[in-house]
PDB file of N, CA and C in Angstrom:
ATOM      1  N   MET A   1     109.682 107.830 109.324  1.00  0.00           N
ATOM      2  CA  MET A   1     110.640 107.659 108.245  1.00  0.00           C
ATOM      3  C   MET A   1     109.939 107.001 107.067  1.00  0.00           C
ATOM      4  N   SER A   2     110.147 107.522 105.893  1.00  0.00           N
ATOM      5  CA  SER A   2     109.606 106.946 104.667  1.00  0.00           C
ATOM      6  C   SER A   2     110.746 106.671 103.705  1.00  0.00           C
ATOM      7  N   THR A   3     110.577 105.628 102.925  1.00  0.00           N
ATOM      8  CA  THR A   3     111.552 105.279 101.902  1.00  0.00           C
ATOM      9  C   THR A   3     110.835 104.472 100.833  1.00  0.00           C
ATOM     10  N   TYR A   4     111.505 104.148  99.753  1.00  0.00           N
ATOM     11  CA  TYR A   4     110.902 103.395  98.660  1.00  0.00           C
ATOM     12  C   TYR A   4     111.569 102.032  98.545  1.00  0.00           C
ATOM     13  N   SER A   5     110.779 101.049  98.107  1.00  0.00           N
ATOM     14  CA  SER A   5     111.289  99.708  97.886  1.00  0.00           C
ATOM     15  C   SER A   5     110.537  99.107  96.705  1.00  0.00           C
ATOM     16  N   ALA A   6     111.216  98.336  95.901  1.00  0.00           N
ATOM     17  CA  ALA A   6     110.589  97.704  94.738  1.00  0.00           C
ATOM     18  C   ALA A   6     109.733  96.513  95.176  1.00  0.00           C
ATOM     19  N   ILE A   7     108.723  96.211  94.388  1.00  0.00           N
ATOM     20  CA  ILE A   7     107.915  95.010  94.576  1.00  0.00           C
ATOM     21  C   ILE A   7     108.304  94.060  93.453  1.00  0.00           C
ATOM     22  N   THR A   8     108.738  92.845  93.806  1.00  0.00           N
ATOM     23  CA  THR A   8     109.198  91.889  92.800  1.00  0.00           C
ATOM     24  C   THR A   8     108.014  91.251  92.081  1.00  0.00           C
ATOM     25  N   SER A   9     108.317  90.468  91.059  1.00  0.00           N
ATOM     26  CA  SER A   9     107.271  89.773  90.301  1.00  0.00           C
ATOM     27  C   SER A   9     106.519  88.760  91.164  1.00  0.00           C
ATOM     28  N   LYS A  10     107.119  88.360  92.298  1.00  0.00           N
ATOM     29  CA  LYS A  10     106.461  87.438  93.231  1.00  0.00           C
ATOM     30  C   LYS A  10     105.852  88.200  94.416  1.00  0.00           C
ATOM     31  N   TYR A  11     105.689  89.508  94.269  1.00  0.00           N
ATOM     32  CA  TYR A  11     105.080  90.385  95.280  1.00  0.00           C
ATOM     33  C   TYR A  11     105.878  90.440  96.579  1.00  0.00           C
ATOM     34  N   GLN A  12     107.171  90.286  96.493  1.00  0.00           N
ATOM     35  CA  GLN A  12     108.032  90.407  97.664  1.00  0.00           C
ATOM     36  C   GLN A  12     108.585  91.824  97.724  1.00  0.00           C
ATOM     37  N   ILE A  13     108.828  92.300  98.954  1.00  0.00           N
ATOM     38  CA  ILE A  13     109.441  93.616  99.115  1.00  0.00           C
ATOM     39  C   ILE A  13     110.640  93.484 100.048  1.00  0.00           C
ATOM     40  N   HIS A  14     111.547  94.413  99.921  1.00  0.00           N
ATOM     41  CA  HIS A  14     112.733  94.466 100.772  1.00  0.00           C
ATOM     42  C   HIS A  14     112.511  95.569 101.806  1.00  0.00           C
ATOM     43  N   ILE A  15     112.753  95.278 103.078  1.00  0.00           N
ATOM     44  CA  ILE A  15     112.656  96.297 104.119  1.00  0.00           C
ATOM     45  C   ILE A  15     114.043  96.928 104.250  1.00  0.00           C
ATOM     46  N   PRO A  16     114.162  98.211 103.951  1.00  0.00           N
ATOM     47  CA  PRO A  16     115.470  98.860 103.980  1.00  0.00           C
ATOM     48  C   PRO A  16     116.138  98.785 105.359  1.00  0.00           C
ATOM     49  N   LYS A  17     117.471  98.794 105.343  1.00  0.00           N
ATOM     50  CA  LYS A  17     118.268  98.640 106.551  1.00  0.00           C
ATOM     51  C   LYS A  17     117.921  99.685 107.613  1.00  0.00           C
ATOM     52  N   GLU A  18     117.699 100.932 107.200  1.00  0.00           N
ATOM     53  CA  GLU A  18     117.398 101.999 108.159  1.00  0.00           C
ATOM     54  C   GLU A  18     116.115 101.687 108.941  1.00  0.00           C
ATOM     55  N   ILE A  19     115.125 101.169 108.256  1.00  0.00           N
ATOM     56  CA  ILE A  19     113.850 100.837 108.906  1.00  0.00           C
ATOM     57  C   ILE A  19     114.012  99.603 109.782  1.00  0.00           C
ATOM     58  N   ARG A  20     114.756  98.597 109.314  1.00  0.00           N
ATOM     59  CA  ARG A  20     115.006  97.404 110.133  1.00  0.00           C
ATOM     60  C   ARG A  20     115.689  97.787 111.443  1.00  0.00           C
ATOM     61  N   LYS A  21     116.671  98.683 111.356  1.00  0.00           N
ATOM     62  CA  LYS A  21     117.379  99.127 112.561  1.00  0.00           C
ATOM     63  C   LYS A  21     116.449  99.895 113.493  1.00  0.00           C
ATOM     64  N   GLN A  22     115.646 100.795 112.927  1.00  0.00           N
ATOM     65  CA  GLN A  22     114.740 101.613 113.730  1.00  0.00           C
ATOM     66  C   GLN A  22     113.729 100.739 114.484  1.00  0.00           C
ATOM     67  N   LEU A  23     113.234  99.689 113.827  1.00  0.00           N
ATOM     68  CA  LEU A  23     112.242  98.806 114.444  1.00  0.00           C
ATOM     69  C   LEU A  23     112.876  97.635 115.188  1.00  0.00           C
ATOM     70  N   MET A  24     114.214  97.553 115.149  1.00  0.00           N
ATOM     71  CA  MET A  24     114.956  96.469 115.800  1.00  0.00           C
ATOM     72  C   MET A  24     114.458  95.093 115.331  1.00  0.00           C
ATOM     73  N   LEU A  25     114.301  94.942 114.028  1.00  0.00           N
ATOM     74  CA  LEU A  25     113.851  93.669 113.461  1.00  0.00           C
ATOM     75  C   LEU A  25     114.997  92.674 113.450  1.00  0.00           C
ATOM     76  N   THR A  26     114.682  91.429 113.712  1.00  0.00           N
ATOM     77  CA  THR A  26     115.658  90.351 113.624  1.00  0.00           C
ATOM     78  C   THR A  26     115.113  89.308 112.666  1.00  0.00           C
ATOM     79  N   LYS A  27     115.977  88.457 112.180  1.00  0.00           N
ATOM     80  CA  LYS A  27     115.491  87.401 111.305  1.00  0.00           C
ATOM     81  C   LYS A  27     115.745  86.064 111.946  1.00  0.00           C
ATOM     82  N   PRO A  28     114.988  85.061 111.725  1.00  0.00           N
ATOM     83  CA  PRO A  28     113.703  85.153 111.025  1.00  0.00           C
ATOM     84  C   PRO A  28     112.667  85.831 111.907  1.00  0.00           C
ATOM     85  N   GLY A  29     111.655  86.334 111.313  1.00  0.00           N
ATOM     86  CA  GLY A  29     110.615  87.018 112.061  1.00  0.00           C
ATOM     87  C   GLY A  29     109.284  86.919 111.351  1.00  0.00           C
ATOM     88  N   LYS A  30     108.283  87.468 111.984  1.00  0.00           N
ATOM     89  CA  LYS A  30     106.947  87.465 111.410  1.00  0.00           C
ATOM     90  C   LYS A  30     106.440  88.896 111.346  1.00  0.00           C
ATOM     91  N   ALA A  31     105.478  89.118 110.449  1.00  0.00           N
ATOM     92  CA  ALA A  31     104.878  90.429 110.304  1.00  0.00           C
ATOM     93  C   ALA A  31     103.377  90.279 110.128  1.00  0.00           C
ATOM     94  N   LYS A  32     102.657  91.250 110.639  1.00  0.00           N
ATOM     95  CA  LYS A  32     101.214  91.334 110.433  1.00  0.00           C
ATOM     96  C   LYS A  32     101.011  92.309 109.280  1.00  0.00           C
ATOM     97  N   ILE A  33     100.294  91.873 108.240  1.00  0.00           N
ATOM     98  CA  ILE A  33     100.091  92.701 107.057  1.00  0.00           C
ATOM     99  C   ILE A  33      98.601  92.995 106.929  1.00  0.00           C
ATOM    100  N   THR A  34      98.270  94.282 106.841  1.00  0.00           N
ATOM    101  CA  THR A  34      96.886  94.715 106.787  1.00  0.00           C
ATOM    102  C   THR A  34      96.694  95.647 105.597  1.00  0.00           C
ATOM    103  N   ALA A  35      95.567  95.510 104.903  1.00  0.00           N
ATOM    104  CA  ALA A  35      95.197  96.452 103.848  1.00  0.00           C
ATOM    105  C   ALA A  35      94.100  97.344 104.411  1.00  0.00           C
ATOM    106  N   MET A  36      94.339  98.673 104.353  1.00  0.00           N
ATOM    107  CA  MET A  36      93.364  99.593 104.918  1.00  0.00           C
ATOM    108  C   MET A  36      93.347 100.880 104.096  1.00  0.00           C
ATOM    109  N   GLU A  37      92.202 101.225 103.578  1.00  0.00           N
ATOM    110  CA  GLU A  37      92.014 102.468 102.834  1.00  0.00           C
ATOM    111  C   GLU A  37      93.056 102.647 101.737  1.00  0.00           C
ATOM    112  N   GLY A  38      93.300 101.588 100.965  1.00  0.00           N
ATOM    113  CA  GLY A  38      94.234 101.661  99.847  1.00  0.00           C
ATOM    114  C   GLY A  38      95.698 101.655 100.237  1.00  0.00           C
ATOM    115  N   LYS A  39      95.995 101.351 101.501  1.00  0.00           N
ATOM    116  CA  LYS A  39      97.381 101.301 101.963  1.00  0.00           C
ATOM    117  C   LYS A  39      97.702  99.919 102.505  1.00  0.00           C
ATOM    118  N   ILE A  40      98.974  99.558 102.465  1.00  0.00           N
ATOM    119  CA  ILE A  40      99.459  98.315 103.063  1.00  0.00           C
ATOM    120  C   ILE A  40     100.174  98.696 104.356  1.00  0.00           C
ATOM    121  N   ILE A  41      99.756  98.085 105.456  1.00  0.00           N
ATOM    122  CA  ILE A  41     100.382  98.347 106.748  1.00  0.00           C
ATOM    123  C   ILE A  41     101.096  97.071 107.178  1.00  0.00           C
ATOM    124  N   ILE A  42     102.397  97.173 107.414  1.00  0.00           N
ATOM    125  CA  ILE A  42     103.203  96.028 107.833  1.00  0.00           C
ATOM    126  C   ILE A  42     103.709  96.309 109.242  1.00  0.00           C
ATOM    127  N   GLU A  43     103.354  95.413 110.182  1.00  0.00           N
ATOM    128  CA  GLU A  43     103.761  95.589 111.572  1.00  0.00           C
ATOM    129  C   GLU A  43     104.540  94.362 112.024  1.00  0.00           C
ATOM    130  N   PRO A  44     105.692  94.557 112.670  1.00  0.00           N
ATOM    131  CA  PRO A  44     106.437  93.400 113.170  1.00  0.00           C
ATOM    132  C   PRO A  44     105.677  92.720 114.305  1.00  0.00           C
ATOM    133  N   VAL A  45     105.728  91.406 114.323  1.00  0.00           N
ATOM    134  CA  VAL A  45     105.156  90.629 115.416  1.00  0.00           C
ATOM    135  C   VAL A  45     106.324  90.236 116.302  1.00  0.00           C
ATOM    136  N   THR A  46     106.309  90.701 117.534  1.00  0.00           N
ATOM    137  CA  THR A  46     107.473  90.507 118.385  1.00  0.00           C
ATOM    138  C   THR A  46     107.324  89.376 119.388  1.00  0.00           C
ATOM    139  N   LYS A  47     106.102  88.961 119.661  1.00  0.00           N
ATOM    140  CA  LYS A  47     105.911  87.922 120.669  1.00  0.00           C
ATOM    141  C   LYS A  47     104.980  86.832 120.141  1.00  0.00           C
ATOM    142  N   THR A  48     105.232  85.630 120.577  1.00  0.00           N
ATOM    143  CA  THR A  48     104.331  84.519 120.310  1.00  0.00           C
ATOM    144  C   THR A  48     103.579  84.256 121.605  1.00  0.00           C
ATOM    145  N   SER A  49     102.273  84.241 121.517  1.00  0.00           N
ATOM    146  CA  SER A  49     101.493  84.044 122.730  1.00  0.00           C
ATOM    147  C   SER A  49     101.479  82.571 123.117  1.00  0.00           C
ATOM    148  N   LEU A  50     101.168  82.315 124.353  1.00  0.00           N
ATOM    149  CA  LEU A  50     101.054  80.955 124.850  1.00  0.00           C
ATOM    150  C   LEU A  50      99.961  80.208 124.096  1.00  0.00           C
ATOM    151  N   LEU A  51      98.891  80.913 123.727  1.00  0.00           N
ATOM    152  CA  LEU A  51      97.810  80.266 122.979  1.00  0.00           C
ATOM    153  C   LEU A  51      98.272  79.847 121.591  1.00  0.00           C
ATOM    154  N   ASP A  52      99.142  80.646 120.954  1.00  0.00           N
ATOM    155  CA  ASP A  52      99.691  80.260 119.651  1.00  0.00           C
ATOM    156  C   ASP A  52     100.500  78.975 119.771  1.00  0.00           C
ATOM    157  N   LEU A  53     101.298  78.867 120.826  1.00  0.00           N
ATOM    158  CA  LEU A  53     102.077  77.650 121.038  1.00  0.00           C
ATOM    159  C   LEU A  53     101.161  76.460 121.317  1.00  0.00           C
ATOM    160  N   ALA A  54     100.098  76.686 122.066  1.00  0.00           N
ATOM    161  CA  ALA A  54      99.159  75.607 122.372  1.00  0.00           C
ATOM    162  C   ALA A  54      98.488  75.092 121.098  1.00  0.00           C
ATOM    163  N   LYS A  55      98.187  75.981 120.156  1.00  0.00           N
ATOM    164  CA  LYS A  55      97.576  75.559 118.888  1.00  0.00           C
ATOM    165  C   LYS A  55      98.512  74.633 118.118  1.00  0.00           C
ATOM    166  N   LYS A  56      99.808  74.916 118.190  1.00  0.00           N
ATOM    167  CA  LYS A  56     100.774  74.064 117.505  1.00  0.00           C
ATOM    168  C   LYS A  56     100.840  72.666 118.119  1.00  0.00           C
ATOM    169  N   LEU A  57     100.591  72.581 119.410  1.00  0.00           N
ATOM    170  CA  LEU A  57     100.642  71.288 120.096  1.00  0.00           C
ATOM    171  C   LEU A  57      99.408  70.430 119.842  1.00  0.00           C
ATOM    172  N   GLU A  58      98.318  71.054 119.476  1.00  0.00           N
ATOM    173  CA  GLU A  58      97.050  70.349 119.344  1.00  0.00           C
ATOM    174  C   GLU A  58      97.141  69.135 118.413  1.00  0.00           C
ATOM    175  N   LYS A  59      97.870  69.262 117.312  1.00  0.00           N
ATOM    176  CA  LYS A  59      97.957  68.135 116.373  1.00  0.00           C
ATOM    177  C   LYS A  59      98.694  66.932 116.964  1.00  0.00           C
ATOM    178  N   TYR A  60      99.525  67.153 117.979  1.00  0.00           N
ATOM    179  CA  TYR A  60     100.268  66.054 118.593  1.00  0.00           C
ATOM    180  C   TYR A  60      99.514  65.387 119.744  1.00  0.00           C
ATOM    181  N   THR A  61      98.604  66.121 120.351  1.00  0.00           N
ATOM    182  CA  THR A  61      97.942  65.600 121.542  1.00  0.00           C
ATOM    183  C   THR A  61      96.735  64.734 121.229  1.00  0.00           C
ATOM    184  N   LYS A  62      95.967  65.078 120.207  1.00  0.00           N
ATOM    185  CA  LYS A  62      94.778  64.310 119.800  1.00  0.00           C
ATOM    186  C   LYS A  62      93.909  63.929 120.992  1.00  0.00           C
ATOM    187  N   GLY A  63      93.624  64.926 121.833  1.00  0.00           N
ATOM    188  CA  GLY A  63      92.735  64.705 122.965  1.00  0.00           C
ATOM    189  C   GLY A  63      93.391  64.111 124.193  1.00  0.00           C
ATOM    190  N   LYS A  64      94.693  63.862 124.144  1.00  0.00           N
ATOM    191  CA  LYS A  64      95.392  63.298 125.297  1.00  0.00           C
ATOM    192  C   LYS A  64      95.817  64.406 126.249  1.00  0.00           C
ATOM    193  N   ASP A  65      96.035  64.063 127.491  1.00  0.00           N
ATOM    194  CA  ASP A  65      96.590  65.016 128.446  1.00  0.00           C
ATOM    195  C   ASP A  65      98.059  65.237 128.111  1.00  0.00           C
ATOM    196  N   ILE A  66      98.513  66.470 128.311  1.00  0.00           N
ATOM    197  CA  ILE A  66      99.912  66.798 128.037  1.00  0.00           C
ATOM    198  C   ILE A  66     100.714  66.657 129.318  1.00  0.00           C
ATOM    199  N   ASP A  67     101.823  65.944 129.229  1.00  0.00           N
ATOM    200  CA  ASP A  67     102.742  65.808 130.358  1.00  0.00           C
ATOM    201  C   ASP A  67     103.538  67.107 130.466  1.00  0.00           C
ATOM    202  N   ILE A  68     103.192  67.937 131.414  1.00  0.00           N
ATOM    203  CA  ILE A  68     103.789  69.264 131.542  1.00  0.00           C
ATOM    204  C   ILE A  68     105.304  69.206 131.738  1.00  0.00           C
ATOM    205  N   ASP A  69     105.814  68.138 132.294  1.00  0.00           N
ATOM    206  CA  ASP A  69     107.256  68.004 132.507  1.00  0.00           C
ATOM    207  C   ASP A  69     108.013  67.832 131.193  1.00  0.00           C
ATOM    208  N   ASN A  70     107.328  67.343 130.166  1.00  0.00           N
ATOM    209  CA  ASN A  70     107.979  67.091 128.870  1.00  0.00           C
ATOM    210  C   ASN A  70     107.388  67.957 127.764  1.00  0.00           C
ATOM    211  N   ILE A  71     106.751  69.062 128.115  1.00  0.00           N
ATOM    212  CA  ILE A  71     106.074  69.893 127.118  1.00  0.00           C
ATOM    213  C   ILE A  71     107.039  70.464 126.076  1.00  0.00           C
ATOM    214  N   ARG A  72     108.264  70.775 126.480  1.00  0.00           N
ATOM    215  CA  ARG A  72     109.228  71.340 125.535  1.00  0.00           C
ATOM    216  C   ARG A  72     109.531  70.373 124.379  1.00  0.00           C
ATOM    217  N   ASP A  73     109.401  69.085 124.622  1.00  0.00           N
ATOM    218  CA  ASP A  73     109.644  68.097 123.571  1.00  0.00           C
ATOM    219  C   ASP A  73     108.575  68.156 122.483  1.00  0.00           C
ATOM    220  N   LEU A  74     107.423  68.713 122.780  1.00  0.00           N
ATOM    221  CA  LEU A  74     106.317  68.753 121.840  1.00  0.00           C
ATOM    222  C   LEU A  74     106.248  70.031 121.023  1.00  0.00           C
ATOM    223  N   ILE A  75     106.980  71.058 121.413  1.00  0.00           N
ATOM    224  CA  ILE A  75     106.887  72.345 120.743  1.00  0.00           C
ATOM    225  C   ILE A  75     107.781  72.369 119.501  1.00  0.00           C
ATOM    226  N   ASP A  76     107.193  72.783 118.381  1.00  0.00           N
ATOM    227  CA  ASP A  76     107.940  72.927 117.127  1.00  0.00           C
ATOM    228  C   ASP A  76     108.492  74.355 117.083  1.00  0.00           C
ATOM    229  N   TYR A  77     109.782  74.506 117.271  1.00  0.00           N
ATOM    230  CA  TYR A  77     110.408  75.823 117.300  1.00  0.00           C
ATOM    231  C   TYR A  77     110.865  76.277 115.919  1.00  0.00           C
ATOM    232  N   SER A  78     110.635  75.487 114.886  1.00  0.00           N
ATOM    233  CA  SER A  78     111.218  75.768 113.580  1.00  0.00           C
ATOM    234  C   SER A  78     110.713  77.047 112.928  1.00  0.00           C
ATOM    235  N   ASP A  79     109.476  77.466 113.203  1.00  0.00           N
ATOM    236  CA  ASP A  79     108.982  78.666 112.517  1.00  0.00           C
ATOM    237  C   ASP A  79     108.727  79.836 113.457  1.00  0.00           C
ATOM    238  N   LEU A  80     109.398  79.843 114.580  1.00  0.00           N
ATOM    239  CA  LEU A  80     109.257  80.975 115.504  1.00  0.00           C
ATOM    240  C   LEU A  80     110.211  82.084 115.133  1.00  0.00           C
TER     241      LEU A  80
END
């Protein structure tokens, strides 16, 4: 499916409803954006890996062992 969308002065684009439905996009969400051979490729990111979550915890641990029983208290869910 192809369609057109405007690019705003802040380089933002709108993903049309038909495409959002087809890809089952939800908000908030993340996208992988790639430039290849003069084209922009936008792919939805559907999963957060365990390693991505571990990177977020690193700033809180500062070399300390993590108490696995309380790990959920350390995870920042705000930008998932």
